[in-house]
Protein backbone atom coordinates (compact mmCIF):
# COMPACT_ATOMS: atom_id res chain seq x y z
CA MET A 1 117.72 96.88 105.05
CA ALA A 2 113.71 96.66 105.23
CA ILE A 3 113.81 98.24 101.89
CA ILE A 4 115.97 95.65 100.13
CA ASN A 5 114.20 92.83 102.05
CA ASP A 6 110.96 94.15 100.30
CA GLU A 7 112.20 94.16 97.16
CA LEU A 8 113.49 90.41 97.31
CA ASN A 9 110.45 89.42 98.50
CA LYS A 10 108.46 90.81 95.69
CA LEU A 11 110.98 89.56 93.15
CA ARG A 12 110.45 86.04 94.86
CA LYS A 13 106.58 86.58 94.41
CA LEU A 14 107.21 87.54 90.62
CA MET A 15 108.90 84.11 89.85
CA GLY A 16 106.24 81.91 91.46
CA VAL A 17 108.58 80.75 94.52
CA HIS A 18 106.45 79.96 97.16
CA GLU A 19 107.87 77.10 99.16
CA LYS A 20 107.05 77.40 102.95
CA GLY A 21 109.27 79.54 105.16
CA LEU A 22 111.42 81.22 102.23
CA PRO A 23 110.63 84.56 102.93
CA HIS A 24 112.16 84.40 106.60
CA LEU A 25 114.89 82.34 104.99
CA LEU A 26 115.98 84.94 102.81
CA TRP A 27 115.10 88.00 105.25
CA LYS A 28 117.56 86.22 108.21
CA ASN A 29 121.28 86.63 108.21
CA LYS A 30 123.20 84.15 106.69
CA GLU A 31 125.17 83.21 109.98
CA ASP A 32 122.07 83.02 112.28
CA LEU A 33 120.73 80.33 109.95
CA LYS A 34 120.77 76.74 111.14
CA ASP A 35 122.46 74.07 109.22
CA GLU A 36 119.35 72.33 107.96
CA GLN A 37 118.21 76.12 106.99
CA LYS A 38 120.99 76.64 105.05
CA GLN A 39 120.80 73.82 103.18
CA GLN A 40 117.14 74.22 102.21
CA LEU A 41 118.12 78.08 101.03
CA GLU A 42 120.91 76.69 99.32
CA VAL A 43 118.89 74.07 97.45
CA ILE A 44 115.94 76.91 96.23
CA LEU A 45 118.58 79.28 95.23
CA LYS A 46 120.38 76.70 93.07
CA GLU A 47 116.66 76.34 91.38
CA HIS A 48 116.22 80.02 90.79
CA PRO A 49 119.36 81.85 89.85
CA CYS A 50 117.68 85.26 89.77
CA LEU A 51 116.93 85.08 93.24
CA GLY A 52 120.30 83.89 93.85
CA ILE A 53 121.63 86.63 92.41
CA ALA A 54 119.41 88.88 94.62
CA ASP A 55 120.24 87.24 97.79
CA GLU A 56 123.87 87.68 96.88
CA ILE A 57 123.29 91.70 96.24
CA LYS A 58 121.42 91.61 99.66
CA GLU A 59 124.32 90.32 101.53
CA GLU A 60 127.06 92.37 99.64
CA ILE A 61 124.89 95.53 101.38
CA ARG A 62 125.28 94.00 105.04
CA GLN A 63 128.81 93.15 104.22
CA ILE A 64 129.50 96.88 103.71
CA TYR A 65 127.82 97.83 107.13
CA GLN A 66 129.83 95.26 108.99
CA GLY A 67 133.13 95.76 107.23
CA CYS A 68 133.61 99.41 106.56
CA ARG A 69 135.26 101.58 108.96
CA THR A 70 135.41 104.84 106.85
CA PHE A 71 133.58 107.35 105.09
CA LYS A 72 135.50 107.24 101.92
CA GLY A 73 135.50 103.38 102.09
CA ALA A 74 131.73 103.31 102.61
CA GLU A 75 131.05 105.89 100.13
CA ARG A 76 133.03 103.89 97.19
CA LYS A 77 131.68 100.39 97.81
CA LEU A 78 127.92 102.01 98.19
CA GLU A 79 128.48 103.73 94.90
CA LYS A 80 129.43 100.16 93.81
CA TRP A 81 126.58 98.74 94.84
CA ILE A 82 124.12 101.24 93.65
CA ARG A 83 125.16 100.40 90.44
CA ILE A 84 125.21 96.49 90.70
CA GLY A 85 122.32 96.69 93.13
CA GLY A 86 119.92 98.61 90.68
CA ILE A 87 119.54 94.96 89.36
CA LEU A 88 117.32 94.17 91.97
CA ASP A 89 115.18 97.28 92.02
CA GLN A 90 115.47 100.74 91.37
CA SER A 91 114.02 102.04 94.66
CA SER A 92 116.79 100.64 96.67
CA ALA A 93 119.16 101.87 94.40
CA SER A 94 117.91 105.38 94.49
CA MET A 95 117.05 105.84 98.21
CA ILE A 96 120.63 104.58 98.53
CA ARG A 97 122.08 107.23 96.23
CA LYS A 98 119.51 109.83 97.66
CA HIS A 99 120.73 109.47 101.19
CA LEU A 100 124.36 108.76 100.34
CA SER A 101 126.27 111.33 102.34
CA GLY A 102 123.68 110.61 105.43
CA ILE A 103 124.79 106.78 105.34
CA CYS A 104 128.38 107.18 104.82
CA ASN A 105 128.40 109.52 108.15
CA TYR A 106 127.49 106.61 110.13
CA PHE A 107 130.71 104.84 109.19
CA GLU A 108 132.64 107.92 110.66
CA ASN A 109 131.35 107.61 114.19
CA HIS A 110 128.87 104.32 114.12
CA THR A 111 126.21 106.23 115.98
CA THR A 112 122.51 106.47 114.62
CA ASN A 113 119.46 108.43 115.29
CA GLY A 114 117.05 105.49 116.90
CA LEU A 115 117.24 106.83 120.22
CA ILE A 116 115.93 110.33 119.23
CA GLU A 117 113.43 108.32 116.77
CA GLY A 118 112.03 106.66 119.73
CA MET A 119 111.45 109.64 122.06
CA ASN A 120 109.45 111.05 118.93
CA THR A 121 107.33 108.03 118.90
CA LYS A 122 106.92 108.31 122.65
CA ILE A 123 106.26 112.26 122.50
CA LYS A 124 103.72 111.15 119.91
CA LEU A 125 101.92 108.81 121.70
CA ILE A 126 101.86 110.91 124.80
CA LYS A 127 100.09 113.53 122.80
CA ARG A 128 97.59 111.03 121.87
CA ILE A 129 97.00 109.97 125.29
CA SER A 130 96.68 113.85 126.74
CA TYR A 131 94.56 114.85 124.38
CA GLY A 132 91.94 117.30 126.37
CA PHE A 133 94.46 118.65 128.42
CA THR A 134 93.60 122.17 129.33
CA ASN A 135 97.35 123.84 128.69
CA PHE A 136 100.77 122.73 127.72
CA GLU A 137 102.12 122.76 131.25
CA HIS A 138 100.10 119.83 132.35
CA LEU A 139 101.55 118.17 128.81
CA ARG A 140 105.13 119.45 129.73
CA LEU A 141 104.90 117.51 133.20
CA ARG A 142 103.89 114.20 131.55
CA LEU A 143 106.65 114.32 129.27
CA PHE A 144 108.83 114.51 132.33
CA ALA A 145 107.67 112.27 134.12
CA CYS A 146 107.75 109.45 131.23
CA PHE A 147 111.20 110.50 130.38
CA ASN A 148 112.72 110.84 134.13
CA SER A 149 111.34 106.77 134.97
């Protein structure tokens, strides 16, 4: 989602749309916006139809993640999105095309590798802090101490 939001922001800058607070309005989920924010966003998107189309493309991929429950259904909708999403920018469409099977696997059991990525980040931090330990056993004990707390 981050790459799509970045592309939406690049498009906004290219179009010269610099209204105060607009990036945050574009990045937020529509259902999380307050009524006044929704109205402000509607006005801006009506003034800039290209930006409105790009915002709809972004919302469509959010709906795919929220609505699909099967691998095949997600694959079909994501392939359709790739054809349409290329309008926004080719990098997001090509990234999704490249990782399509991995992305679709999420819809089988709705799990991610976020926990493992977090643990890897913590291990890297501990390795940086532990620079100069004389042997691996000290590092191993430090890792056990950090992950058992």
